[in-house]
PDB file of N, CA and C in Angstrom:
ATOM      1  N   MET A   1     -28.800  42.698 -30.407  1.00  0.00           N
ATOM      2  CA  MET A   1     -30.010  41.881 -30.707  1.00  0.00           C
ATOM      3  C   MET A   1     -30.229  41.943 -32.211  1.00  0.00           C
ATOM      4  N   LEU A   2     -30.785  40.910 -32.810  1.00  0.00           N
ATOM      5  CA  LEU A   2     -31.021  40.647 -34.022  1.00  0.00           C
ATOM      6  C   LEU A   2     -32.147  41.691 -34.674  1.00  0.00           C
ATOM      7  N   HIS A   3     -33.248  41.773 -34.134  1.00  0.00           N
ATOM      8  CA  HIS A   3     -34.244  42.538 -34.556  1.00  0.00           C
ATOM      9  C   HIS A   3     -33.848  43.993 -34.514  1.00  0.00           C
ATOM     10  N   ARG A   4     -32.802  44.280 -33.839  1.00  0.00           N
ATOM     11  CA  ARG A   4     -32.481  45.924 -33.835  1.00  0.00           C
ATOM     12  C   ARG A   4     -32.076  46.141 -35.566  1.00  0.00           C
ATOM     13  N   GLY A   5     -31.679  45.225 -36.273  1.00  0.00           N
ATOM     14  CA  GLY A   5     -31.333  45.278 -37.532  1.00  0.00           C
ATOM     15  C   GLY A   5     -32.515  45.651 -38.494  1.00  0.00           C
ATOM     16  N   LEU A   6     -33.631  45.436 -37.986  1.00  0.00           N
ATOM     17  CA  LEU A   6     -34.851  45.769 -38.879  1.00  0.00           C
ATOM     18  C   LEU A   6     -34.927  47.152 -39.103  1.00  0.00           C
ATOM     19  N   PRO A   7     -35.590  47.596 -40.204  1.00  0.00           N
ATOM     20  CA  PRO A   7     -35.907  48.972 -40.542  1.00  0.00           C
ATOM     21  C   PRO A   7     -36.620  49.622 -39.310  1.00  0.00           C
ATOM     22  N   PRO A   8     -36.500  50.870 -39.278  1.00  0.00           N
ATOM     23  CA  PRO A   8     -36.960  51.618 -38.095  1.00  0.00           C
ATOM     24  C   PRO A   8     -38.637  51.368 -37.941  1.00  0.00           C
ATOM     25  N   GLU A   9     -39.103  51.519 -39.041  1.00  0.00           N
ATOM     26  CA  GLU A   9     -40.641  51.372 -39.007  1.00  0.00           C
ATOM     27  C   GLU A   9     -41.237  50.101 -38.319  1.00  0.00           C
ATOM     28  N   ILE A  10     -40.451  49.129 -38.293  1.00  0.00           N
ATOM     29  CA  ILE A  10     -40.827  47.862 -37.648  1.00  0.00           C
ATOM     30  C   ILE A  10     -40.015  47.382 -36.486  1.00  0.00           C
ATOM     31  N   GLN A  11     -38.806  48.211 -36.258  1.00  0.00           N
ATOM     32  CA  GLN A  11     -38.132  47.926 -35.241  1.00  0.00           C
ATOM     33  C   GLN A  11     -38.870  47.548 -33.889  1.00  0.00           C
ATOM     34  N   VAL A  12     -39.741  48.781 -33.532  1.00  0.00           N
ATOM     35  CA  VAL A  12     -40.401  48.682 -32.235  1.00  0.00           C
ATOM     36  C   VAL A  12     -41.271  47.392 -32.341  1.00  0.00           C
ATOM     37  N   LEU A  13     -42.059  47.014 -33.395  1.00  0.00           N
ATOM     38  CA  LEU A  13     -42.856  46.078 -33.413  1.00  0.00           C
ATOM     39  C   LEU A  13     -42.236  44.570 -33.208  1.00  0.00           C
ATOM     40  N   GLY A  14     -40.982  44.610 -33.725  1.00  0.00           N
ATOM     41  CA  GLY A  14     -40.039  43.443 -33.504  1.00  0.00           C
ATOM     42  C   GLY A  14     -39.692  43.179 -32.221  1.00  0.00           C
ATOM     43  N   THR A  15     -39.142  44.545 -31.536  1.00  0.00           N
ATOM     44  CA  THR A  15     -38.769  44.450 -30.252  1.00  0.00           C
ATOM     45  C   THR A  15     -39.929  43.973 -29.140  1.00  0.00           C
ATOM     46  N   ASN A  16     -41.185  44.462 -29.453  1.00  0.00           N
ATOM     47  CA  ASN A  16     -42.352  44.297 -28.651  1.00  0.00           C
ATOM     48  C   ASN A  16     -42.537  42.603 -28.646  1.00  0.00           C
ATOM     49  N   TYR A  17     -42.554  42.159 -29.853  1.00  0.00           N
ATOM     50  CA  TYR A  17     -43.176  40.862 -30.195  1.00  0.00           C
ATOM     51  C   TYR A  17     -42.088  39.851 -29.534  1.00  0.00           C
ATOM     52  N   VAL A  18     -40.823  40.141 -29.790  1.00  0.00           N
ATOM     53  CA  VAL A  18     -39.698  39.197 -29.201  1.00  0.00           C
ATOM     54  C   VAL A  18     -39.929  39.082 -27.683  1.00  0.00           C
ATOM     55  N   ARG A  19     -40.016  40.370 -27.084  1.00  0.00           N
ATOM     56  CA  ARG A  19     -40.063  40.337 -25.516  1.00  0.00           C
ATOM     57  C   ARG A  19     -41.411  39.596 -24.995  1.00  0.00           C
ATOM     58  N   ASP A  20     -42.590  39.766 -25.804  1.00  0.00           N
ATOM     59  CA  ASP A  20     -43.884  39.142 -25.220  1.00  0.00           C
ATOM     60  C   ASP A  20     -43.689  37.579 -25.702  1.00  0.00           C
ATOM     61  N   GLU A  21     -43.066  37.033 -26.633  1.00  0.00           N
ATOM     62  CA  GLU A  21     -43.021  35.701 -26.987  1.00  0.00           C
ATOM     63  C   GLU A  21     -41.974  34.912 -26.002  1.00  0.00           C
ATOM     64  N   PHE A  22     -41.139  35.499 -25.528  1.00  0.00           N
ATOM     65  CA  PHE A  22     -40.097  35.092 -24.470  1.00  0.00           C
ATOM     66  C   PHE A  22     -40.779  35.116 -23.090  1.00  0.00           C
ATOM     67  N   LYS A  23     -41.574  36.098 -22.789  1.00  0.00           N
ATOM     68  CA  LYS A  23     -42.406  35.961 -21.693  1.00  0.00           C
ATOM     69  C   LYS A  23     -43.343  35.169 -21.517  1.00  0.00           C
ATOM     70  N   ARG A  24     -44.202  34.700 -22.780  1.00  0.00           N
ATOM     71  CA  ARG A  24     -45.147  33.666 -22.729  1.00  0.00           C
ATOM     72  C   ARG A  24     -44.589  32.619 -22.522  1.00  0.00           C
ATOM     73  N   HIS A  25     -43.225  32.044 -22.954  1.00  0.00           N
ATOM     74  CA  HIS A  25     -42.773  30.730 -22.894  1.00  0.00           C
ATOM     75  C   HIS A  25     -41.870  30.642 -21.678  1.00  0.00           C
ATOM     76  N   LYS A  26     -41.889  31.674 -20.822  1.00  0.00           N
ATOM     77  CA  LYS A  26     -40.904  31.594 -19.595  1.00  0.00           C
ATOM     78  C   LYS A  26     -40.897  30.457 -18.817  1.00  0.00           C
ATOM     79  N   ASN A  27     -42.162  29.767 -18.385  1.00  0.00           N
ATOM     80  CA  ASN A  27     -42.503  28.822 -17.788  1.00  0.00           C
ATOM     81  C   ASN A  27     -42.962  27.626 -18.338  1.00  0.00           C
ATOM     82  N   CYS A  28     -42.856  27.527 -19.571  1.00  0.00           N
ATOM     83  CA  CYS A  28     -43.302  26.254 -20.366  1.00  0.00           C
ATOM     84  C   CYS A  28     -42.350  24.966 -20.020  1.00  0.00           C
ATOM     85  N   ASN A  29     -43.272  23.923 -20.299  1.00  0.00           N
ATOM     86  CA  ASN A  29     -42.313  22.710 -20.098  1.00  0.00           C
ATOM     87  C   ASN A  29     -41.140  22.398 -21.058  1.00  0.00           C
ATOM     88  N   GLU A  30     -40.452  21.429 -20.719  1.00  0.00           N
ATOM     89  CA  GLU A  30     -38.978  21.354 -21.609  1.00  0.00           C
ATOM     90  C   GLU A  30     -39.205  21.028 -22.912  1.00  0.00           C
ATOM     91  N   ASP A  31     -40.454  20.248 -23.329  1.00  0.00           N
ATOM     92  CA  ASP A  31     -40.537  19.805 -24.732  1.00  0.00           C
ATOM     93  C   ASP A  31     -41.043  21.073 -25.449  1.00  0.00           C
ATOM     94  N   ILE A  32     -41.975  22.008 -24.818  1.00  0.00           N
ATOM     95  CA  ILE A  32     -42.246  23.177 -25.532  1.00  0.00           C
ATOM     96  C   ILE A  32     -40.943  24.081 -25.538  1.00  0.00           C
ATOM     97  N   ALA A  33     -40.172  24.022 -24.703  1.00  0.00           N
ATOM     98  CA  ALA A  33     -39.061  25.014 -24.791  1.00  0.00           C
ATOM     99  C   ALA A  33     -38.163  24.573 -26.016  1.00  0.00           C
ATOM    100  N   ILE A  34     -37.980  23.118 -26.222  1.00  0.00           N
ATOM    101  CA  ILE A  34     -36.981  22.984 -27.197  1.00  0.00           C
ATOM    102  C   ILE A  34     -37.609  23.205 -28.518  1.00  0.00           C
ATOM    103  N   ILE A  35     -38.819  23.147 -28.664  1.00  0.00           N
ATOM    104  CA  ILE A  35     -39.569  23.622 -29.857  1.00  0.00           C
ATOM    105  C   ILE A  35     -39.692  25.068 -30.141  1.00  0.00           C
ATOM    106  N   PHE A  36     -39.776  25.868 -29.129  1.00  0.00           N
ATOM    107  CA  PHE A  36     -39.885  27.133 -29.063  1.00  0.00           C
ATOM    108  C   PHE A  36     -38.322  27.746 -29.492  1.00  0.00           C
ATOM    109  N   MET A  37     -37.361  27.107 -28.842  1.00  0.00           N
ATOM    110  CA  MET A  37     -35.897  27.514 -29.012  1.00  0.00           C
ATOM    111  C   MET A  37     -35.358  27.262 -30.410  1.00  0.00           C
ATOM    112  N   ASN A  38     -35.982  26.185 -30.989  1.00  0.00           N
ATOM    113  CA  ASN A  38     -35.554  25.758 -32.464  1.00  0.00           C
ATOM    114  C   ASN A  38     -36.305  26.461 -33.431  1.00  0.00           C
ATOM    115  N   GLU A  39     -37.224  26.946 -33.138  1.00  0.00           N
ATOM    116  CA  GLU A  39     -38.193  27.973 -33.790  1.00  0.00           C
ATOM    117  C   GLU A  39     -37.271  29.218 -34.084  1.00  0.00           C
ATOM    118  N   TRP A  40     -36.940  29.662 -32.899  1.00  0.00           N
ATOM    119  CA  TRP A  40     -36.408  31.036 -32.888  1.00  0.00           C
ATOM    120  C   TRP A  40     -34.964  31.023 -33.654  1.00  0.00           C
ATOM    121  N   THR A  41     -34.329  29.771 -33.308  1.00  0.00           N
ATOM    122  CA  THR A  41     -33.053  29.749 -33.881  1.00  0.00           C
ATOM    123  C   THR A  41     -33.151  29.865 -35.606  1.00  0.00           C
ATOM    124  N   GLU A  42     -34.077  29.089 -36.116  1.00  0.00           N
ATOM    125  CA  GLU A  42     -34.521  29.096 -37.517  1.00  0.00           C
ATOM    126  C   GLU A  42     -34.988  30.494 -37.884  1.00  0.00           C
ATOM    127  N   TYR A  43     -35.543  31.246 -37.301  1.00  0.00           N
ATOM    128  CA  TYR A  43     -36.133  32.533 -37.309  1.00  0.00           C
ATOM    129  C   TYR A  43     -34.737  33.350 -37.572  1.00  0.00           C
ATOM    130  N   ALA A  44     -33.853  33.366 -36.387  1.00  0.00           N
ATOM    131  CA  ALA A  44     -32.568  34.260 -36.504  1.00  0.00           C
ATOM    132  C   ALA A  44     -31.504  33.843 -37.450  1.00  0.00           C
ATOM    133  N   ILE A  45     -31.666  32.682 -38.163  1.00  0.00           N
ATOM    134  CA  ILE A  45     -30.927  32.403 -39.210  1.00  0.00           C
ATOM    135  C   ILE A  45     -31.385  33.021 -40.464  1.00  0.00           C
ATOM    136  N   MET A  46     -32.767  32.775 -40.700  1.00  0.00           N
ATOM    137  CA  MET A  46     -33.322  33.432 -41.609  1.00  0.00           C
ATOM    138  C   MET A  46     -33.220  34.955 -41.754  1.00  0.00           C
ATOM    139  N   LEU A  47     -33.399  35.461 -40.643  1.00  0.00           N
ATOM    140  CA  LEU A  47     -33.540  36.896 -40.592  1.00  0.00           C
ATOM    141  C   LEU A  47     -31.963  37.500 -40.821  1.00  0.00           C
ATOM    142  N   THR A  48     -31.002  36.830 -40.242  1.00  0.00           N
ATOM    143  CA  THR A  48     -29.819  37.299 -40.687  1.00  0.00           C
ATOM    144  C   THR A  48     -29.406  37.261 -41.976  1.00  0.00           C
ATOM    145  N   LYS A  49     -29.629  36.143 -42.584  1.00  0.00           N
ATOM    146  CA  LYS A  49     -29.783  36.246 -44.193  1.00  0.00           C
ATOM    147  C   LYS A  49     -30.257  37.344 -44.961  1.00  0.00           C
ATOM    148  N   GLN A  50     -31.627  37.552 -44.569  1.00  0.00           N
ATOM    149  CA  GLN A  50     -32.272  38.614 -45.033  1.00  0.00           C
ATOM    150  C   GLN A  50     -31.680  40.031 -44.788  1.00  0.00           C
ATOM    151  N   LEU A  51     -31.222  40.187 -43.622  1.00  0.00           N
ATOM    152  CA  LEU A  51     -30.654  41.592 -43.345  1.00  0.00           C
ATOM    153  C   LEU A  51     -29.472  41.808 -44.157  1.00  0.00           C
ATOM    154  N   GLY A  52     -28.766  40.783 -44.413  1.00  0.00           N
ATOM    155  CA  GLY A  52     -27.521  40.949 -45.043  1.00  0.00           C
ATOM    156  C   GLY A  52     -26.412  41.634 -44.223  1.00  0.00           C
ATOM    157  N   LEU A  53     -25.149  41.768 -44.686  1.00  0.00           N
ATOM    158  CA  LEU A  53     -24.098  42.456 -43.956  1.00  0.00           C
ATOM    159  C   LEU A  53     -24.306  43.996 -43.570  1.00  0.00           C
ATOM    160  N   LYS A  54     -25.017  44.577 -44.515  1.00  0.00           N
ATOM    161  CA  LYS A  54     -24.912  45.995 -44.459  1.00  0.00           C
ATOM    162  C   LYS A  54     -26.342  46.538 -43.995  1.00  0.00           C
ATOM    163  N   GLY A  55     -27.158  45.554 -43.598  1.00  0.00           N
ATOM    164  CA  GLY A  55     -28.596  46.035 -43.093  1.00  0.00           C
ATOM    165  C   GLY A  55     -29.689  45.834 -44.143  1.00  0.00           C
ATOM    166  N   PRO A  56     -30.778  46.067 -43.760  1.00  0.00           N
ATOM    167  CA  PRO A  56     -32.099  45.884 -44.553  1.00  0.00           C
ATOM    168  C   PRO A  56     -32.136  46.470 -45.879  1.00  0.00           C
ATOM    169  N   HIS A  57     -31.450  47.764 -45.957  1.00  0.00           N
ATOM    170  CA  HIS A  57     -31.627  48.493 -47.271  1.00  0.00           C
ATOM    171  C   HIS A  57     -30.870  47.869 -48.411  1.00  0.00           C
ATOM    172  N   THR A  58     -29.889  47.027 -48.006  1.00  0.00           N
ATOM    173  CA  THR A  58     -29.106  46.410 -49.161  1.00  0.00           C
ATOM    174  C   THR A  58     -29.452  44.937 -49.307  1.00  0.00           C
ATOM    175  N   ALA A  59     -30.345  44.463 -48.325  1.00  0.00           N
ATOM    176  CA  ALA A  59     -30.866  42.825 -48.329  1.00  0.00           C
ATOM    177  C   ALA A  59     -32.040  42.606 -49.199  1.00  0.00           C
ATOM    178  N   LYS A  60     -32.425  41.349 -49.220  1.00  0.00           N
ATOM    179  CA  LYS A  60     -33.556  40.866 -49.719  1.00  0.00           C
ATOM    180  C   LYS A  60     -34.773  41.333 -48.912  1.00  0.00           C
ATOM    181  N   PRO A  61     -35.831  41.316 -49.596  1.00  0.00           N
ATOM    182  CA  PRO A  61     -37.239  41.714 -48.841  1.00  0.00           C
ATOM    183  C   PRO A  61     -37.367  41.024 -47.460  1.00  0.00           C
ATOM    184  N   LEU A  62     -37.883  41.599 -46.381  1.00  0.00           N
ATOM    185  CA  LEU A  62     -37.869  40.733 -45.332  1.00  0.00           C
ATOM    186  C   LEU A  62     -39.102  39.948 -45.123  1.00  0.00           C
ATOM    187  N   GLY A  63     -39.022  38.652 -44.458  1.00  0.00           N
ATOM    188  CA  GLY A  63     -40.137  38.074 -44.223  1.00  0.00           C
ATOM    189  C   GLY A  63     -40.234  36.703 -45.224  1.00  0.00           C
ATOM    190  N   GLU A  64     -41.067  35.841 -44.784  1.00  0.00           N
ATOM    191  CA  GLU A  64     -41.217  34.520 -45.611  1.00  0.00           C
ATOM    192  C   GLU A  64     -42.675  34.069 -45.459  1.00  0.00           C
ATOM    193  N   ASN A  65     -43.204  33.836 -46.739  1.00  0.00           N
ATOM    194  CA  ASN A  65     -44.506  33.325 -46.633  1.00  0.00           C
ATOM    195  C   ASN A  65     -44.590  31.992 -45.805  1.00  0.00           C
ATOM    196  N   LEU A  66     -45.848  31.737 -45.085  1.00  0.00           N
ATOM    197  CA  LEU A  66     -46.150  30.517 -44.114  1.00  0.00           C
ATOM    198  C   LEU A  66     -46.754  29.503 -45.251  1.00  0.00           C
ATOM    199  N   LYS A  67     -46.326  28.352 -44.902  1.00  0.00           N
ATOM    200  CA  LYS A  67     -47.079  27.194 -45.903  1.00  0.00           C
ATOM    201  C   LYS A  67     -48.250  26.798 -45.232  1.00  0.00           C
ATOM    202  N   GLU A  68     -49.231  26.201 -45.921  1.00  0.00           N
ATOM    203  CA  GLU A  68     -50.579  25.820 -45.622  1.00  0.00           C
ATOM    204  C   GLU A  68     -50.219  24.846 -44.437  1.00  0.00           C
ATOM    205  N   GLU A  69     -49.230  23.842 -44.466  1.00  0.00           N
ATOM    206  CA  GLU A  69     -49.054  22.996 -43.448  1.00  0.00           C
ATOM    207  C   GLU A  69     -48.809  23.679 -42.158  1.00  0.00           C
ATOM    208  N   ASP A  70     -47.785  24.714 -42.135  1.00  0.00           N
ATOM    209  CA  ASP A  70     -47.434  25.472 -41.075  1.00  0.00           C
ATOM    210  C   ASP A  70     -48.731  26.035 -40.314  1.00  0.00           C
ATOM    211  N   PHE A  71     -49.785  26.526 -40.957  1.00  0.00           N
ATOM    212  CA  PHE A  71     -51.135  27.178 -40.466  1.00  0.00           C
ATOM    213  C   PHE A  71     -51.769  25.993 -39.730  1.00  0.00           C
ATOM    214  N   ASN A  72     -51.751  24.648 -40.290  1.00  0.00           N
ATOM    215  CA  ASN A  72     -52.614  23.688 -39.629  1.00  0.00           C
ATOM    216  C   ASN A  72     -51.882  23.183 -38.280  1.00  0.00           C
ATOM    217  N   LYS A  73     -50.591  23.674 -38.142  1.00  0.00           N
ATOM    218  CA  LYS A  73     -49.888  23.291 -36.731  1.00  0.00           C
ATOM    219  C   LYS A  73     -50.446  24.340 -35.792  1.00  0.00           C
ATOM    220  N   PHE A  74     -50.994  25.320 -35.922  1.00  0.00           N
ATOM    221  CA  PHE A  74     -51.235  26.569 -35.117  1.00  0.00           C
ATOM    222  C   PHE A  74     -52.392  26.214 -34.227  1.00  0.00           C
ATOM    223  N   ARG A  75     -52.332  26.665 -33.034  1.00  0.00           N
ATOM    224  CA  ARG A  75     -53.645  26.560 -32.054  1.00  0.00           C
ATOM    225  C   ARG A  75     -54.431  27.622 -32.587  1.00  0.00           C
ATOM    226  N   ASP A  76     -55.657  27.877 -32.052  1.00  0.00           N
ATOM    227  CA  ASP A  76     -56.518  28.942 -32.364  1.00  0.00           C
ATOM    228  C   ASP A  76     -55.802  30.291 -31.774  1.00  0.00           C
ATOM    229  N   GLU A  77     -55.191  30.237 -30.563  1.00  0.00           N
ATOM    230  CA  GLU A  77     -54.646  31.553 -30.202  1.00  0.00           C
ATOM    231  C   GLU A  77     -53.328  31.972 -30.678  1.00  0.00           C
ATOM    232  N   GLN A  78     -52.824  31.037 -31.391  1.00  0.00           N
ATOM    233  CA  GLN A  78     -51.563  31.372 -32.275  1.00  0.00           C
ATOM    234  C   GLN A  78     -52.020  32.005 -33.598  1.00  0.00           C
ATOM    235  N   LEU A  79     -53.194  31.500 -34.007  1.00  0.00           N
ATOM    236  CA  LEU A  79     -53.679  32.230 -35.355  1.00  0.00           C
ATOM    237  C   LEU A  79     -54.117  33.566 -35.173  1.00  0.00           C
ATOM    238  N   TYR A  80     -54.670  33.758 -34.037  1.00  0.00           N
ATOM    239  CA  TYR A  80     -55.238  35.096 -33.544  1.00  0.00           C
ATOM    240  C   TYR A  80     -53.927  36.044 -33.453  1.00  0.00           C
ATOM    241  N   GLN A  81     -53.092  35.517 -32.660  1.00  0.00           N
ATOM    242  CA  GLN A  81     -51.665  36.438 -32.645  1.00  0.00           C
ATOM    243  C   GLN A  81     -51.176  36.698 -33.945  1.00  0.00           C
ATOM    244  N   LEU A  82     -51.096  35.712 -34.858  1.00  0.00           N
ATOM    245  CA  LEU A  82     -50.589  35.953 -36.204  1.00  0.00           C
ATOM    246  C   LEU A  82     -51.468  36.992 -36.903  1.00  0.00           C
ATOM    247  N   TYR A  83     -52.702  36.895 -36.731  1.00  0.00           N
ATOM    248  CA  TYR A  83     -53.794  37.854 -37.339  1.00  0.00           C
ATOM    249  C   TYR A  83     -53.438  39.577 -36.653  1.00  0.00           C
ATOM    250  N   GLU A  84     -53.131  39.591 -35.338  1.00  0.00           N
ATOM    251  CA  GLU A  84     -52.919  40.767 -34.682  1.00  0.00           C
ATOM    252  C   GLU A  84     -51.494  41.206 -35.252  1.00  0.00           C
ATOM    253  N   LEU A  85     -50.512  40.297 -35.383  1.00  0.00           N
ATOM    254  CA  LEU A  85     -49.224  40.860 -36.041  1.00  0.00           C
ATOM    255  C   LEU A  85     -49.441  41.457 -37.404  1.00  0.00           C
ATOM    256  N   MET A  86     -50.286  40.727 -38.235  1.00  0.00           N
ATOM    257  CA  MET A  86     -50.494  41.220 -39.781  1.00  0.00           C
ATOM    258  C   MET A  86     -51.038  42.426 -39.372  1.00  0.00           C
ATOM    259  N   ILE A  87     -51.908  42.833 -38.764  1.00  0.00           N
ATOM    260  CA  ILE A  87     -52.621  44.135 -38.596  1.00  0.00           C
ATOM    261  C   ILE A  87     -51.762  45.034 -38.064  1.00  0.00           C
ATOM    262  N   ALA A  88     -51.072  44.915 -37.210  1.00  0.00           N
ATOM    263  CA  ALA A  88     -49.947  45.782 -36.630  1.00  0.00           C
ATOM    264  C   ALA A  88     -49.052  46.048 -37.680  1.00  0.00           C
ATOM    265  N   SER A  89     -48.429  45.093 -38.447  1.00  0.00           N
ATOM    266  CA  SER A  89     -47.261  45.347 -39.328  1.00  0.00           C
ATOM    267  C   SER A  89     -47.847  46.123 -40.658  1.00  0.00           C
ATOM    268  N   THR A  90     -48.969  45.876 -40.947  1.00  0.00           N
ATOM    269  CA  THR A  90     -49.523  46.476 -42.232  1.00  0.00           C
ATOM    270  C   THR A  90     -50.553  47.420 -42.289  1.00  0.00           C
ATOM    271  N   GLY A  91     -51.248  47.334 -40.995  1.00  0.00           N
ATOM    272  CA  GLY A  91     -52.434  48.310 -40.831  1.00  0.00           C
ATOM    273  C   GLY A  91     -53.862  47.821 -41.615  1.00  0.00           C
ATOM    274  N   LYS A  92     -53.647  46.637 -42.051  1.00  0.00           N
ATOM    275  CA  LYS A  92     -54.850  46.317 -43.022  1.00  0.00           C
ATOM    276  C   LYS A  92     -55.722  45.346 -42.204  1.00  0.00           C
ATOM    277  N   ILE A  93     -56.913  45.338 -42.342  1.00  0.00           N
ATOM    278  CA  ILE A  93     -57.911  44.333 -41.622  1.00  0.00           C
ATOM    279  C   ILE A  93     -58.511  43.734 -42.664  1.00  0.00           C
ATOM    280  N   ASN A  94     -58.330  42.323 -42.660  1.00  0.00           N
ATOM    281  CA  ASN A  94     -59.131  41.592 -43.445  1.00  0.00           C
ATOM    282  C   ASN A  94     -60.676  41.469 -43.125  1.00  0.00           C
ATOM    283  N   LYS A  95     -61.402  42.191 -44.049  1.00  0.00           N
ATOM    284  CA  LYS A  95     -62.930  42.280 -44.023  1.00  0.00           C
ATOM    285  C   LYS A  95     -63.567  40.989 -43.948  1.00  0.00           C
ATOM    286  N   ASN A  96     -62.911  39.872 -44.850  1.00  0.00           N
ATOM    287  CA  ASN A  96     -63.550  38.491 -44.626  1.00  0.00           C
ATOM    288  C   ASN A  96     -63.559  37.943 -43.359  1.00  0.00           C
ATOM    289  N   THR A  97     -62.460  38.118 -42.576  1.00  0.00           N
ATOM    290  CA  THR A  97     -62.433  37.537 -41.175  1.00  0.00           C
ATOM    291  C   THR A  97     -63.103  38.355 -40.004  1.00  0.00           C
ATOM    292  N   GLU A  98     -63.580  39.649 -40.438  1.00  0.00           N
ATOM    293  CA  GLU A  98     -64.127  40.479 -39.409  1.00  0.00           C
ATOM    294  C   GLU A  98     -65.798  40.101 -39.311  1.00  0.00           C
ATOM    295  N   ASP A  99     -66.030  39.598 -40.237  1.00  0.00           N
ATOM    296  CA  ASP A  99     -67.548  39.114 -40.246  1.00  0.00           C
ATOM    297  C   ASP A  99     -67.987  38.067 -39.775  1.00  0.00           C
ATOM    298  N   THR A 100     -67.010  37.309 -39.323  1.00  0.00           N
ATOM    299  CA  THR A 100     -67.123  35.990 -38.644  1.00  0.00           C
ATOM    300  C   THR A 100     -67.215  35.988 -37.346  1.00  0.00           C
TER     301      THR A 100
END
């Protein structure tokens, strides 16, 4: 599995995230499944390039910034999930969003 090539400190997070996303989409309709699988394919290609042949210690920095247009496509629950992922991966809480 591709996420096993991640650095150890984020490997568990990656494993849990992948498992959760596939469970979440297990019974989705065909249209959503096509979108979901296309997005995961793009993610796998990007991560493969970022991990490089010899693993994360020789590759580019991991991750990619989201564009504003990407955020506009997300549902509220997806934005919240993204926020939770940010907290889990960085340990930082955005003080501006906690007040709302």
